[in-house]
Amino acid sequence: MKYLKKNAKSYSRQSMRGIWAAALTPFTADGAIDEEGMRRNYEHWISDLEIDGFFIAGKQGEFFSMSVEERKRCLEIAVDACAGRAQTIMSCSDQNMDVVIDLARHAQRVGADYIVVHAPVLHFFKQQDETLLGYYRTIAEQVDIGMALWSHPDSGYLMSPELCSRLADIENVVAIKYSVPRPMYVELDRLAGDRILVSTASEEEWLDNIVELGWQLYLCSSPPYLIQAKGDLRMRRYTDLAFAGKADEARALRDSLDPVRAALRGTRPPEKPHAHQKFWQELLGQAGGAVRRPLLELTPEERRRTQAAFEACGLGKIGNQ
C-alpha cells in the first residue's frame, strides 16, 4: 500500500479522482476467464480511453458466479495490467464475512489501491443501522486498506444518509458508491462530504454532480468504455471541461452523447444487462465474451437490433473531441 491506515482518507482525497469504470469479466465459450482478453481490455481502457481507475470483480464483473480464487485472480490481473497507470478497487462483497475479509486481505497484499464492500442482504428488518455499523467496523478492523461502501437496491434496502454519515467516521472508510435517488446522495454529501467521497453510478448525472456538488470521482459503472471509443472520448473530455470550470462546453459535449445513450438503453433487455453490454463491447472491438449462469445470453434477434442501433448512434465517428 502507498499509504498508512491513518492516512487513508487524506490519501484518497488526493488520488481517488476522475473516471473509474466497473469492469465486466470476459469469459470464454466454455466458461473460463479470458485472461488475455481481460488484459487487452485494460490496455485499451487505459491507453485509448484514458480511464483513471477500475472496479474489479463486482456486480458488473459477475462476482456472484465466480469462486473466491477466480475473484482473486481477476484482481491480480488488474493490478498487473494497471501497473501504476490506473488505480484499482477490489470488490470484496459477499454474504460470508470470512470471505469478505479474506478478499480484503488479498487485495491489500497484492497491491490494490482500495476495496469496496456492498451492504449485505439482511433477512430481518430490526436494528439495521446497528447491524451495519458492526459489519463495516469489523471489516475495517481487519485491514489497513481504504474501503468504499456501496449501497444499492439489490440489498433489499438502502442505507440512509444518516447511517452513511456515521460509517464515514470509520478510520479507513474513504468513499461510497451510493446508488440511490439524487436527493439522498445530495443529503449525504451535505452531512459527510468532508469525511467521505460520495459518488453514484449514473453517468447522466455525473456532470451536474461535478458542477453543482464539486464531486471529483465517478465510481462507477460501464459507460466509460461503452459510450467511448478510440478517438471519441466525449465522456473524458466533458469531464475535464467540467473540472476546468467550463460547464457550458461540458454540457454541450455531454448532450451530444444522447444518441449513444438511447441506443444502449433502448436495446438492452431488462433481464440481460451483462450479455447486452458484453455484445456492445465486442462491437467496439473489446473482449466481451460469454456470461455465466444464471445469466442469460442475447437471442439472435436481440443481437441484430443492438448492432443496428450501435451502427446508427454515431459512436466512434465524431473524432477526438
Protein backbone atom coordinates (compact mmCIF):
# COMPACT_ATOMS: atom_id res chain seq x y z
CA MET A 1 0.00 0.00 0.00
CA LYS A 2 1.08 3.55 -0.70
CA TYR A 3 -0.45 4.96 2.50
CA LEU A 4 -0.94 4.16 6.16
CA LYS A 5 -4.37 3.34 7.54
CA LYS A 6 -4.48 6.60 9.46
CA ASN A 7 -3.83 8.48 6.20
CA ALA A 8 -6.40 6.61 4.08
CA LYS A 9 -8.89 9.48 3.97
CA SER A 10 -6.35 12.16 3.10
CA TYR A 11 -4.67 9.92 0.51
CA SER A 12 -7.99 9.19 -1.18
CA ARG A 13 -8.75 12.92 -1.44
CA GLN A 14 -5.54 13.40 -3.38
CA SER A 15 -5.60 10.31 -5.60
CA MET A 16 -9.16 8.97 -5.93
CA ARG A 17 -10.24 11.21 -8.76
CA GLY A 18 -11.70 11.20 -12.24
CA ILE A 19 -13.46 8.42 -14.14
CA TRP A 20 -13.48 4.91 -12.70
CA ALA A 21 -15.16 2.06 -14.58
CA ALA A 22 -16.72 -1.18 -13.34
CA ALA A 23 -15.02 -3.94 -15.34
CA LEU A 24 -17.08 -6.68 -16.95
CA THR A 25 -15.33 -10.07 -16.83
CA PRO A 26 -14.85 -11.72 -20.24
CA PHE A 27 -15.47 -15.48 -20.22
CA THR A 28 -14.69 -17.94 -22.98
CA ALA A 29 -17.39 -20.12 -24.55
CA ASP A 30 -16.55 -22.93 -22.12
CA GLY A 31 -16.86 -20.60 -19.10
CA ALA A 32 -13.19 -19.94 -18.30
CA ILE A 33 -11.92 -16.45 -17.51
CA ASP A 34 -10.47 -14.96 -20.69
CA GLU A 35 -7.27 -13.62 -19.15
CA GLU A 36 -5.78 -12.49 -22.44
CA GLY A 37 -8.96 -10.66 -23.38
CA MET A 38 -9.09 -9.05 -19.95
CA ARG A 39 -5.56 -7.71 -20.37
CA ARG A 40 -6.39 -6.36 -23.84
CA ASN A 41 -9.37 -4.55 -22.38
CA TYR A 42 -7.31 -2.89 -19.65
CA GLU A 43 -4.71 -1.79 -22.16
CA HIS A 44 -7.39 -0.25 -24.39
CA TRP A 45 -9.24 1.34 -21.48
CA ILE A 46 -6.08 2.94 -20.11
CA SER A 47 -4.16 3.84 -23.26
CA ASP A 48 -7.01 4.71 -25.62
CA LEU A 49 -9.90 5.74 -23.33
CA GLU A 50 -7.87 7.38 -20.53
CA ILE A 51 -9.89 5.80 -17.72
CA ASP A 52 -8.46 6.55 -14.27
CA GLY A 53 -9.45 3.51 -12.22
CA PHE A 54 -11.24 0.17 -12.23
CA PHE A 55 -13.78 -1.55 -10.01
CA ILE A 56 -12.82 -5.24 -10.17
CA ALA A 57 -15.00 -8.35 -9.84
CA GLY A 58 -18.11 -6.53 -8.72
CA LYS A 59 -21.72 -6.98 -9.77
CA GLN A 60 -20.89 -5.97 -13.35
CA GLY A 61 -17.99 -8.43 -13.20
CA GLU A 62 -20.29 -11.34 -12.22
CA PHE A 63 -18.59 -11.93 -8.87
CA PHE A 64 -21.62 -13.99 -7.84
CA SER A 65 -20.71 -16.64 -10.42
CA MET A 66 -17.01 -16.88 -9.57
CA SER A 67 -15.06 -18.80 -6.95
CA VAL A 68 -13.03 -16.89 -4.39
CA GLU A 69 -9.84 -17.93 -6.18
CA GLU A 70 -11.18 -16.64 -9.51
CA ARG A 71 -12.05 -13.32 -7.92
CA LYS A 72 -8.53 -13.08 -6.51
CA ARG A 73 -7.10 -13.88 -9.93
CA CYS A 74 -9.16 -11.11 -11.54
CA LEU A 75 -7.68 -8.64 -9.09
CA GLU A 76 -4.14 -9.86 -9.67
CA ILE A 77 -4.53 -9.42 -13.43
CA ALA A 78 -5.96 -5.92 -12.96
CA VAL A 79 -3.19 -4.80 -10.60
CA ASP A 80 -0.56 -6.11 -13.01
CA ALA A 81 -2.24 -4.60 -16.08
CA CYS A 82 -2.72 -1.21 -14.45
CA ALA A 83 0.81 -1.16 -13.00
CA GLY A 84 0.84 2.46 -11.84
CA ARG A 85 -1.06 3.74 -14.88
CA ALA A 86 -4.52 3.43 -13.33
CA GLN A 87 -5.90 2.60 -9.90
CA THR A 88 -7.87 -0.43 -8.73
CA ILE A 89 -10.66 -1.00 -6.26
CA MET A 90 -11.44 -4.64 -5.47
CA SER A 91 -14.98 -5.78 -4.77
CA CYS A 92 -14.86 -7.94 -1.64
CA SER A 93 -18.63 -8.21 -1.36
CA ASP A 94 -20.04 -11.50 -0.13
CA GLN A 95 -22.68 -12.73 2.30
CA ASN A 96 -19.98 -14.58 4.23
CA MET A 97 -17.87 -12.15 6.23
CA ASP A 98 -14.90 -14.52 6.32
CA VAL A 99 -14.84 -14.36 2.51
CA VAL A 100 -15.05 -10.56 2.59
CA ILE A 101 -12.10 -10.33 4.95
CA ASP A 102 -10.08 -12.93 3.01
CA LEU A 103 -10.59 -10.97 -0.22
CA ALA A 104 -9.79 -7.69 1.52
CA ARG A 105 -6.52 -9.03 2.89
CA HIS A 106 -5.61 -10.41 -0.53
CA ALA A 107 -6.34 -7.05 -2.15
CA GLN A 108 -4.10 -5.31 0.36
CA ARG A 109 -1.34 -7.90 -0.05
CA VAL A 110 -1.14 -7.81 -3.86
CA GLY A 111 -1.26 -4.04 -4.25
CA ALA A 112 -4.85 -2.92 -4.86
CA ASP A 113 -5.42 0.74 -4.08
CA TYR A 114 -8.78 0.26 -2.35
CA ILE A 115 -11.53 -2.24 -1.63
CA VAL A 116 -15.31 -1.89 -1.88
CA VAL A 117 -17.90 -3.84 0.12
CA HIS A 118 -21.61 -3.58 -0.62
CA ALA A 119 -24.27 -3.62 2.06
CA PRO A 120 -25.17 -7.29 2.69
CA VAL A 121 -28.61 -8.78 2.15
CA LEU A 122 -30.31 -8.84 5.56
CA HIS A 123 -33.07 -11.27 6.40
CA PHE A 124 -34.58 -9.12 9.13
CA PHE A 125 -35.65 -5.51 9.43
CA LYS A 126 -34.88 -4.55 13.02
CA GLN A 127 -31.80 -2.65 14.20
CA GLN A 128 -30.45 -2.49 10.67
CA ASP A 129 -28.26 0.50 11.41
CA GLU A 130 -26.52 -1.10 14.38
CA THR A 131 -26.08 -4.32 12.38
CA LEU A 132 -24.41 -2.46 9.51
CA LEU A 133 -22.24 -0.35 11.80
CA GLY A 134 -20.95 -3.53 13.38
CA TYR A 135 -20.50 -5.17 9.99
CA TYR A 136 -18.34 -2.43 8.47
CA ARG A 137 -16.41 -1.76 11.68
CA THR A 138 -15.47 -5.44 11.91
CA ILE A 139 -14.17 -5.50 8.33
CA ALA A 140 -12.29 -2.23 8.76
CA GLU A 141 -10.55 -3.54 11.88
CA GLN A 142 -9.08 -6.46 9.91
CA VAL A 143 -7.27 -4.45 7.22
CA ASP A 144 -5.45 -1.17 6.66
CA ILE A 145 -6.54 -0.61 3.06
CA GLY A 146 -9.03 2.15 2.31
CA MET A 147 -12.60 0.90 1.97
CA ALA A 148 -15.53 2.17 -0.06
CA LEU A 149 -19.11 1.42 0.90
CA TRP A 150 -21.78 0.50 -1.63
CA SER A 151 -25.50 0.79 -1.08
CA HIS A 152 -27.92 -0.25 -3.84
CA PRO A 153 -31.46 -1.66 -4.12
CA ASP A 154 -30.25 -5.23 -4.72
CA SER A 155 -29.55 -5.50 -1.00
CA GLY A 156 -33.28 -5.17 -0.35
CA TYR A 157 -32.89 -1.79 1.37
CA LEU A 158 -30.93 1.44 1.08
CA MET A 159 -28.63 2.73 3.77
CA SER A 160 -29.81 6.15 4.94
CA PRO A 161 -27.63 9.25 4.59
CA GLU A 162 -27.56 9.45 8.38
CA LEU A 163 -26.22 5.90 8.70
CA CYS A 164 -23.63 6.50 5.97
CA SER A 165 -22.52 9.63 7.81
CA ARG A 166 -21.87 7.52 10.92
CA LEU A 167 -19.97 4.98 8.84
CA ALA A 168 -17.85 7.81 7.42
CA ASP A 169 -16.26 8.16 10.86
CA ILE A 170 -14.52 4.78 10.45
CA GLU A 171 -10.80 5.47 10.01
CA ASN A 172 -10.28 3.75 6.67
CA VAL A 173 -13.71 4.28 5.09
CA VAL A 174 -12.89 6.65 2.24
CA ALA A 175 -15.73 6.61 -0.31
CA ILE A 176 -19.19 5.34 -1.16
CA LYS A 177 -20.84 4.23 -4.36
CA TYR A 178 -24.34 5.40 -3.43
CA SER A 179 -26.81 4.00 -5.97
CA VAL A 180 -29.79 5.92 -4.65
CA PRO A 181 -32.11 8.77 -5.75
CA ARG A 182 -30.32 12.10 -6.08
CA PRO A 183 -31.85 13.77 -3.00
CA MET A 184 -30.34 11.01 -0.83
CA TYR A 185 -26.80 11.38 -2.12
CA VAL A 186 -27.03 15.17 -2.03
CA GLU A 187 -28.00 14.89 1.64
CA LEU A 188 -25.11 12.53 2.38
CA ASP A 189 -22.73 14.91 0.65
CA ARG A 190 -24.04 17.68 2.92
CA LEU A 191 -23.69 15.56 6.05
CA ALA A 192 -20.36 13.86 5.41
CA GLY A 193 -18.74 15.24 2.28
CA ASP A 194 -15.75 16.31 4.37
CA ARG A 195 -15.17 12.72 5.56
CA ILE A 196 -16.15 10.52 2.63
CA LEU A 197 -16.03 10.83 -1.17
CA VAL A 198 -19.63 10.45 -2.33
CA SER A 199 -20.32 9.11 -5.82
CA THR A 200 -23.06 7.38 -7.78
CA ALA A 201 -23.15 5.16 -10.85
CA SER A 202 -25.29 7.43 -13.04
CA GLU A 203 -23.22 8.79 -15.92
CA GLU A 204 -26.08 11.10 -16.91
CA GLU A 205 -25.87 12.83 -13.50
CA TRP A 206 -22.06 12.94 -13.36
CA LEU A 207 -21.58 16.36 -14.95
CA ASP A 208 -24.20 18.03 -12.75
CA ASN A 209 -22.57 16.49 -9.70
CA ILE A 210 -19.19 17.96 -10.65
CA VAL A 211 -20.65 21.41 -11.30
CA GLU A 212 -23.23 21.60 -8.51
CA LEU A 213 -21.67 19.46 -5.77
CA GLY A 214 -17.97 19.75 -6.53
CA TRP A 215 -17.52 15.99 -6.94
CA GLN A 216 -14.14 14.62 -8.01
CA LEU A 217 -14.95 10.91 -8.52
CA TYR A 218 -17.15 8.87 -10.86
CA LEU A 219 -17.41 5.49 -9.08
CA CYS A 220 -18.51 3.78 -11.31
CA SER A 221 -20.21 1.66 -13.94
CA SER A 222 -19.60 0.58 -17.54
CA PRO A 223 -20.31 3.80 -19.55
CA PRO A 224 -16.65 4.90 -19.62
CA TYR A 225 -15.86 2.06 -22.04
CA LEU A 226 -19.32 1.63 -23.62
CA ILE A 227 -20.03 5.22 -24.68
CA GLN A 228 -16.44 5.96 -25.72
CA ALA A 229 -14.19 4.63 -28.45
CA LYS A 230 -10.63 5.29 -29.55
CA GLY A 231 -10.68 8.80 -30.97
CA ASP A 232 -14.12 9.54 -29.49
CA LEU A 233 -13.53 10.39 -25.83
CA ARG A 234 -16.53 12.57 -25.18
CA MET A 235 -17.05 11.44 -21.57
CA ARG A 236 -13.37 12.06 -20.79
CA ARG A 237 -13.47 15.46 -22.48
CA TYR A 238 -16.68 16.71 -20.89
CA THR A 239 -15.35 15.58 -17.51
CA ASP A 240 -12.12 17.52 -17.98
CA LEU A 241 -14.04 20.59 -19.16
CA ALA A 242 -16.27 20.44 -16.08
CA PHE A 243 -13.24 20.09 -13.79
CA ALA A 244 -11.81 23.17 -15.51
CA GLY A 245 -14.97 25.18 -14.80
CA LYS A 246 -16.17 25.21 -18.43
CA ALA A 247 -19.67 24.00 -17.65
CA ASP A 248 -21.43 25.15 -20.83
CA GLU A 249 -18.88 23.48 -23.12
CA ALA A 250 -19.05 20.36 -20.98
CA ARG A 251 -22.85 20.20 -21.20
CA ALA A 252 -22.83 20.53 -24.96
CA LEU A 253 -20.39 17.65 -25.26
CA ARG A 254 -22.28 15.53 -22.73
CA ASP A 255 -25.57 16.09 -24.55
CA SER A 256 -24.01 15.05 -27.86
CA LEU A 257 -23.85 11.53 -26.40
CA ASP A 258 -27.64 11.28 -26.08
CA PRO A 259 -27.99 9.14 -29.26
CA VAL A 260 -25.43 6.69 -27.87
CA ARG A 261 -27.20 6.51 -24.51
CA ALA A 262 -30.54 5.98 -26.25
CA ALA A 263 -29.13 3.17 -28.40
CA LEU A 264 -27.74 1.39 -25.35
CA ARG A 265 -30.83 1.89 -23.22
CA GLY A 266 -33.31 1.15 -25.98
CA THR A 267 -31.86 -2.22 -26.97
CA ARG A 268 -30.96 -3.64 -23.56
CA PRO A 269 -33.31 -6.43 -22.45
CA PRO A 270 -34.04 -5.74 -18.77
CA GLU A 271 -33.08 -9.28 -17.71
CA LYS A 272 -29.87 -9.38 -19.79
CA PRO A 273 -27.72 -6.35 -18.92
CA HIS A 274 -24.44 -8.29 -18.77
CA ALA A 275 -24.89 -10.11 -22.07
CA HIS A 276 -26.01 -6.90 -23.76
CA GLN A 277 -23.05 -4.89 -22.53
CA LYS A 278 -20.62 -7.64 -23.50
CA PHE A 279 -22.01 -7.73 -27.02
CA TRP A 280 -21.70 -3.92 -27.20
CA GLN A 281 -18.08 -4.31 -26.12
CA GLU A 282 -17.50 -6.73 -28.99
CA LEU A 283 -18.99 -4.23 -31.43
CA LEU A 284 -16.39 -1.77 -30.12
CA GLY A 285 -13.58 -4.29 -30.63
CA GLN A 286 -13.22 -5.16 -26.94
CA ALA A 287 -13.27 -8.61 -25.35
CA GLY A 288 -16.83 -9.26 -24.27
CA GLY A 289 -17.40 -12.97 -24.33
CA ALA A 290 -20.00 -15.18 -22.71
CA VAL A 291 -21.91 -14.74 -19.47
CA ARG A 292 -22.11 -17.39 -16.79
CA ARG A 293 -25.28 -18.94 -15.44
CA PRO A 294 -27.68 -17.94 -14.08
CA LEU A 295 -27.37 -15.04 -16.54
CA LEU A 296 -28.97 -15.28 -19.97
CA GLU A 297 -27.38 -14.72 -23.39
CA LEU A 298 -28.88 -12.49 -26.07
CA THR A 299 -31.04 -14.05 -28.75
CA PRO A 300 -30.03 -13.62 -32.42
CA GLU A 301 -32.79 -11.03 -32.82
CA GLU A 302 -31.61 -9.07 -29.79
CA ARG A 303 -28.09 -9.05 -31.19
CA ARG A 304 -29.37 -7.87 -34.58
CA ARG A 305 -31.33 -4.98 -33.02
CA THR A 306 -28.40 -3.99 -30.84
CA GLN A 307 -25.94 -3.98 -33.74
CA ALA A 308 -28.28 -1.87 -35.87
CA ALA A 309 -28.66 0.69 -33.08
CA PHE A 310 -24.91 0.70 -32.45
CA GLU A 311 -24.14 1.36 -36.12
CA ALA A 312 -26.63 4.24 -36.23
CA CYS A 313 -25.71 6.02 -32.98
CA GLY A 314 -22.52 7.70 -34.20
CA LEU A 315 -20.14 6.35 -31.56
CA GLY A 316 -16.57 6.46 -32.79
CA LYS A 317 -17.43 8.61 -35.79
CA ILE A 318 -17.14 12.02 -34.17
CA GLY A 319 -13.38 12.25 -33.96
CA ASN A 320 -11.37 13.09 -30.87
CA GLN A 321 -13.15 15.89 -29.05
